[in-house]
Amino acid sequence: MGKHRGSDIQSGRPGRGPRRTAGLAPTGAGRSKGARRAGVSPPTDRSPVRRPSGHRGPRSVQEEIRQSARPGHADGALRAFEQAVSLLERGRDAAAVTAALQAKELAGRSGAVREVLGIALYRAGRFRDALRELQAYRRITGRLDQNHLIADSHRALGQPEKAIDPAREALRARIPQEAKAEAAVVGASALADLGRSAEALSMLKSLPTDPARASESDLRIWYATADILARTGRKKEAVEEFRLIMRHDPAAFDVAERIAQLD
């Protein structure tokens, strides 16, 4: 597919300006109250969504869909798939679901199609359906790069205990660092949901960060760490983590408010 560049889908999230929220979105926000119980992650809107099939080039995606499509329907499946990706990039999540469902009807055995459908459903807040499609993507392809969305869907459904294993599996896998970072945040959020704060902090610390570089993923890891520290009464350490974020991006998340509250 000609538009695949391997970048994240950023459209449709609030605060899309440069580094306002670092292009990130948290677990536990923009969903049911039960899933937000721990409030461990940065307050933007959702878990970051990697661009569908960004790990593959356009030609291989096209070939995979063509080979998986029903006889005589390869072109239609490709058109529906590309439309779904385009709609997601423009933040039109519900419309993307409709296009992706059409692609699934024509090429249901395609991992790329099931991936984009799962992402669209997740972005539309249909977490149970998203979980089914993302698990199908994982089953078809053997890839674990959307495990953070699988884990986050479990959290959104009020099943934090089911989110931990997919997150840990992602942390052991050979997947992009950004996906690993989000898996750590989701897994830590789920552990905090269950009152297992020490394990949550350990999971976050298992992923190295770089204060000199301060990538978007680093900011998310630091925020989740600070939030858990604050909730366990370790306010001084929490403020240090929040201030680390402030040094790199004073407008990130609600860090200034959190520091003021803790001080």
Protein backbone atom coordinates (compact mmCIF):
# COMPACT_ATOMS: atom_id res chain seq x y z
CA MET A 1 0.00 0.00 0.00
CA GLY A 2 1.52 3.24 -1.10
CA LYS A 3 0.76 5.22 2.06
CA HIS A 4 2.49 2.91 4.53
CA ARG A 5 5.44 4.75 6.05
CA GLY A 6 5.70 2.91 9.33
CA SER A 7 4.65 5.93 11.43
CA ASP A 8 1.99 6.10 14.16
CA ILE A 9 -1.61 7.02 13.45
CA GLN A 10 -1.86 10.38 15.19
CA SER A 11 -5.06 11.84 13.71
CA GLY A 12 -8.09 12.33 15.90
CA ARG A 13 -6.26 12.80 19.20
CA PRO A 14 -6.48 16.08 21.11
CA GLY A 15 -3.31 18.05 21.56
CA ARG A 16 -1.67 17.07 18.29
CA GLY A 17 0.63 20.08 18.25
CA PRO A 18 4.37 19.46 18.50
CA ARG A 19 5.10 17.83 21.84
CA ARG A 20 2.01 19.31 23.53
CA THR A 21 1.26 15.79 24.68
CA ALA A 22 4.29 14.31 22.97
CA GLY A 23 1.97 12.70 20.42
CA LEU A 24 1.06 10.20 23.10
CA ALA A 25 -2.11 8.95 24.62
CA PRO A 26 -2.67 6.98 27.80
CA THR A 27 -4.27 3.84 28.94
CA GLY A 28 -7.35 4.31 30.99
CA ALA A 29 -8.61 7.52 29.43
CA GLY A 30 -11.50 8.04 27.05
CA ARG A 31 -13.25 4.88 28.19
CA SER A 32 -15.34 3.33 30.93
CA LYS A 33 -14.99 4.43 34.55
CA GLY A 34 -13.99 0.95 35.62
CA ALA A 35 -11.01 0.96 33.31
CA ARG A 36 -9.89 4.35 34.64
CA ARG A 37 -9.89 3.30 38.28
CA ALA A 38 -6.13 3.45 38.78
CA GLY A 39 -5.58 6.53 36.62
CA VAL A 40 -1.98 5.52 36.14
CA SER A 41 -1.38 6.94 32.69
CA PRO A 42 -1.03 10.42 31.14
CA PRO A 43 -4.35 12.22 30.63
CA THR A 44 -4.71 12.61 26.87
CA ASP A 45 -7.08 10.06 25.36
CA ARG A 46 -6.06 6.52 24.43
CA SER A 47 -3.20 4.12 24.19
CA PRO A 48 -0.90 5.03 21.27
CA VAL A 49 -1.85 3.26 18.06
CA ARG A 50 0.91 2.19 15.70
CA ARG A 51 0.20 2.57 12.01
CA PRO A 52 -1.25 -0.71 10.71
CA SER A 53 1.32 -3.06 9.21
CA GLY A 54 4.03 -0.43 9.57
CA HIS A 55 6.54 -3.25 9.95
CA ARG A 56 6.04 -4.21 6.32
CA GLY A 57 6.56 -2.40 3.04
CA PRO A 58 3.67 -1.38 0.79
CA ARG A 59 4.31 -4.15 -1.72
CA SER A 60 4.30 -6.95 0.86
CA VAL A 61 1.05 -5.64 2.37
CA GLN A 62 -0.59 -5.55 -1.04
CA GLU A 63 0.60 -9.05 -1.83
CA GLU A 64 -0.60 -10.41 1.50
CA ILE A 65 -4.07 -8.96 1.03
CA ARG A 66 -4.30 -10.12 -2.58
CA GLN A 67 -3.32 -13.65 -1.62
CA SER A 68 -5.84 -13.69 1.23
CA ALA A 69 -8.76 -12.18 -0.71
CA ARG A 70 -11.69 -14.12 -2.06
CA PRO A 71 -11.30 -14.93 -5.76
CA GLY A 72 -12.01 -11.87 -7.88
CA HIS A 73 -12.13 -9.50 -4.90
CA ALA A 74 -8.47 -8.57 -4.37
CA ASP A 75 -8.82 -5.04 -5.76
CA GLY A 76 -11.90 -4.34 -3.67
CA ALA A 77 -10.22 -5.64 -0.52
CA LEU A 78 -7.21 -3.42 -1.15
CA ARG A 79 -9.38 -0.36 -1.75
CA ALA A 80 -11.34 -0.94 1.45
CA PHE A 81 -8.15 -1.51 3.43
CA GLU A 82 -6.51 1.66 2.14
CA GLN A 83 -9.68 3.62 2.84
CA ALA A 84 -9.74 2.31 6.42
CA VAL A 85 -6.12 3.39 7.00
CA SER A 86 -6.79 6.81 5.50
CA LEU A 87 -9.86 7.32 7.65
CA LEU A 88 -7.96 6.36 10.79
CA GLU A 89 -5.26 8.86 9.95
CA ARG A 90 -7.93 11.55 9.71
CA GLY A 91 -9.48 10.57 13.03
CA ARG A 92 -12.67 9.19 11.48
CA ASP A 93 -12.71 6.07 13.60
CA ALA A 94 -16.32 4.94 13.09
CA ALA A 95 -16.04 5.32 9.32
CA ALA A 96 -12.74 3.41 9.45
CA VAL A 97 -14.54 0.53 11.17
CA THR A 98 -17.05 0.37 8.32
CA ALA A 99 -14.31 0.32 5.66
CA ALA A 100 -12.26 -2.25 7.56
CA LEU A 101 -15.30 -4.50 7.98
CA GLN A 102 -15.75 -4.38 4.21
CA ALA A 103 -12.10 -5.36 3.78
CA LYS A 104 -12.58 -8.24 6.21
CA GLU A 105 -15.60 -9.45 4.24
CA LEU A 106 -13.40 -9.68 1.15
CA ALA A 107 -10.12 -10.79 2.76
CA GLY A 108 -10.84 -12.16 6.21
CA ARG A 109 -7.68 -14.26 6.32
CA SER A 110 -5.43 -11.23 5.90
CA GLY A 111 -3.44 -10.30 8.98
CA ALA A 112 -3.14 -6.70 7.79
CA VAL A 113 -6.90 -6.40 7.39
CA ARG A 114 -7.62 -7.86 10.82
CA GLU A 115 -5.01 -5.53 12.31
CA VAL A 116 -6.51 -2.36 10.85
CA LEU A 117 -10.01 -3.49 11.85
CA GLY A 118 -8.84 -4.14 15.40
CA ILE A 119 -7.20 -0.73 15.60
CA ALA A 120 -10.30 1.00 14.22
CA LEU A 121 -12.55 -0.77 16.72
CA TYR A 122 -10.18 0.11 19.55
CA ARG A 123 -10.13 3.77 18.53
CA ALA A 124 -13.93 3.73 18.30
CA GLY A 125 -14.18 2.44 21.88
CA ARG A 126 -15.53 -0.99 20.88
CA PHE A 127 -13.03 -2.81 23.06
CA ARG A 128 -14.55 -6.29 23.09
CA ASP A 129 -14.72 -6.38 19.29
CA ALA A 130 -11.24 -4.85 19.07
CA LEU A 131 -9.88 -7.57 21.33
CA ARG A 132 -11.27 -10.28 19.07
CA GLU A 133 -9.78 -8.76 15.92
CA LEU A 134 -6.38 -7.94 17.44
CA GLN A 135 -6.10 -11.47 18.80
CA ALA A 136 -6.92 -12.75 15.32
CA TYR A 137 -4.15 -10.54 13.91
CA ARG A 138 -1.71 -11.97 16.44
CA ARG A 139 -2.84 -15.52 15.69
CA ILE A 140 -2.54 -15.10 11.90
CA THR A 141 0.80 -13.30 11.85
CA GLY A 142 2.50 -14.43 15.03
CA ARG A 143 3.40 -10.78 15.69
CA LEU A 144 3.18 -9.20 19.14
CA ASP A 145 3.48 -5.54 18.13
CA GLN A 146 -0.16 -4.78 18.97
CA ASN A 147 -0.10 -6.58 22.31
CA HIS A 148 -0.35 -3.26 24.13
CA LEU A 149 -3.75 -2.69 22.51
CA ILE A 150 -4.82 -6.23 23.41
CA ALA A 151 -3.78 -5.57 27.01
CA ASP A 152 -5.41 -2.16 27.05
CA SER A 153 -8.66 -3.57 25.70
CA HIS A 154 -8.72 -6.01 28.61
CA ARG A 155 -8.25 -3.08 30.99
CA ALA A 156 -11.05 -1.17 29.31
CA LEU A 157 -13.33 -4.16 29.82
CA GLY A 158 -12.54 -4.19 33.54
CA GLN A 159 -10.19 -7.18 33.28
CA PRO A 160 -6.79 -5.84 34.43
CA GLU A 161 -5.64 -9.30 35.44
CA LYS A 162 -5.86 -10.38 31.78
CA ALA A 163 -3.79 -7.42 30.62
CA ILE A 164 -0.60 -8.39 32.42
CA ASP A 165 0.48 -11.43 30.39
CA PRO A 166 0.13 -9.76 26.95
CA ALA A 167 2.13 -6.80 28.25
CA ARG A 168 4.90 -9.02 29.61
CA GLU A 169 4.91 -11.03 26.40
CA ALA A 170 5.45 -7.82 24.42
CA LEU A 171 8.32 -6.76 26.67
CA ARG A 172 10.13 -10.02 25.86
CA ALA A 173 9.47 -9.79 22.11
CA ARG A 174 11.50 -8.29 19.29
CA ILE A 175 9.15 -5.42 18.49
CA PRO A 176 9.62 -1.64 18.11
CA GLN A 177 10.74 0.14 21.26
CA GLU A 178 7.67 2.38 21.19
CA ALA A 179 5.39 -0.66 21.35
CA LYS A 180 7.45 -2.07 24.23
CA ALA A 181 7.18 1.20 26.13
CA GLU A 182 3.42 1.28 25.74
CA ALA A 183 3.21 -2.36 26.83
CA ALA A 184 5.11 -1.41 29.98
CA VAL A 185 2.73 1.47 30.68
CA VAL A 186 -0.35 -0.66 30.06
CA GLY A 187 1.00 -3.56 32.11
CA ALA A 188 1.99 -1.27 34.97
CA SER A 189 -1.44 0.36 34.86
CA ALA A 190 -3.08 -3.05 35.11
CA LEU A 191 -0.86 -4.05 38.02
CA ALA A 192 -1.71 -0.79 39.78
CA ASP A 193 -5.40 -1.50 39.15
CA LEU A 194 -4.85 -4.68 41.17
CA GLY A 195 -2.95 -2.91 43.95
CA ARG A 196 0.39 -4.41 42.92
CA SER A 197 2.30 -1.13 42.83
CA ALA A 198 5.76 -2.58 43.52
CA GLU A 199 5.41 -4.89 40.51
CA ALA A 200 4.10 -2.00 38.44
CA LEU A 201 7.16 0.13 39.22
CA SER A 202 9.45 -2.81 38.50
CA MET A 203 7.84 -3.31 35.09
CA LEU A 204 8.34 0.36 34.20
CA LYS A 205 11.94 0.31 35.36
CA SER A 206 12.65 -2.76 33.24
CA LEU A 207 12.52 -0.55 30.16
CA PRO A 208 15.53 1.79 29.97
CA THR A 209 14.93 5.50 29.38
CA ASP A 210 17.31 8.26 28.38
CA PRO A 211 17.02 11.60 30.26
CA ALA A 212 19.34 13.20 27.72
CA ARG A 213 17.16 12.26 24.76
CA ALA A 214 13.69 12.22 26.34
CA SER A 215 11.78 10.44 23.62
CA GLU A 216 8.00 10.41 23.59
CA SER A 217 8.06 6.92 25.07
CA ASP A 218 10.37 8.10 27.86
CA LEU A 219 7.87 10.81 28.83
CA ARG A 220 5.11 8.23 29.13
CA ILE A 221 7.23 5.89 31.21
CA TRP A 222 8.20 8.74 33.56
CA TYR A 223 4.61 9.91 33.93
CA ALA A 224 3.32 6.44 34.78
CA THR A 225 6.18 6.01 37.26
CA ALA A 226 5.47 9.37 38.92
CA ASP A 227 1.77 8.65 39.16
CA ILE A 228 2.29 5.31 40.88
CA LEU A 229 4.83 6.83 43.27
CA ALA A 230 2.35 9.58 44.15
CA ARG A 231 -0.44 7.10 44.77
CA THR A 232 1.73 5.05 47.10
CA GLY A 233 2.65 8.10 49.19
CA ARG A 234 6.15 8.59 47.79
CA LYS A 235 5.46 12.22 46.93
CA LYS A 236 9.04 13.51 46.85
CA GLU A 237 10.09 10.84 44.34
CA ALA A 238 6.95 11.48 42.31
CA VAL A 239 7.73 15.20 42.07
CA GLU A 240 11.24 14.37 40.85
CA GLU A 241 9.79 12.25 38.05
CA PHE A 242 7.24 14.90 37.10
CA ARG A 243 9.95 17.57 37.07
CA LEU A 244 12.05 15.41 34.78
CA ILE A 245 9.19 15.57 32.29
CA MET A 246 8.84 19.32 32.81
CA ARG A 247 12.50 19.90 31.96
CA HIS A 248 11.97 18.38 28.54
CA ASP A 249 8.38 19.44 27.82
CA PRO A 250 6.75 21.95 30.21
CA ALA A 251 3.39 21.55 28.43
CA ALA A 252 3.28 17.74 28.53
CA PHE A 253 0.18 16.10 29.94
CA ASP A 254 -1.00 17.69 33.24
CA VAL A 255 2.46 17.64 34.81
CA ALA A 256 2.41 21.24 36.07
CA GLU A 257 -0.88 20.59 37.88
CA ARG A 258 0.39 17.36 39.40
CA ILE A 259 3.53 19.05 40.73
CA ALA A 260 1.45 21.87 42.23
CA GLN A 261 -0.83 19.36 43.94
CA LEU A 262 2.05 17.38 45.40
CA ASP A 263 3.96 20.47 46.55
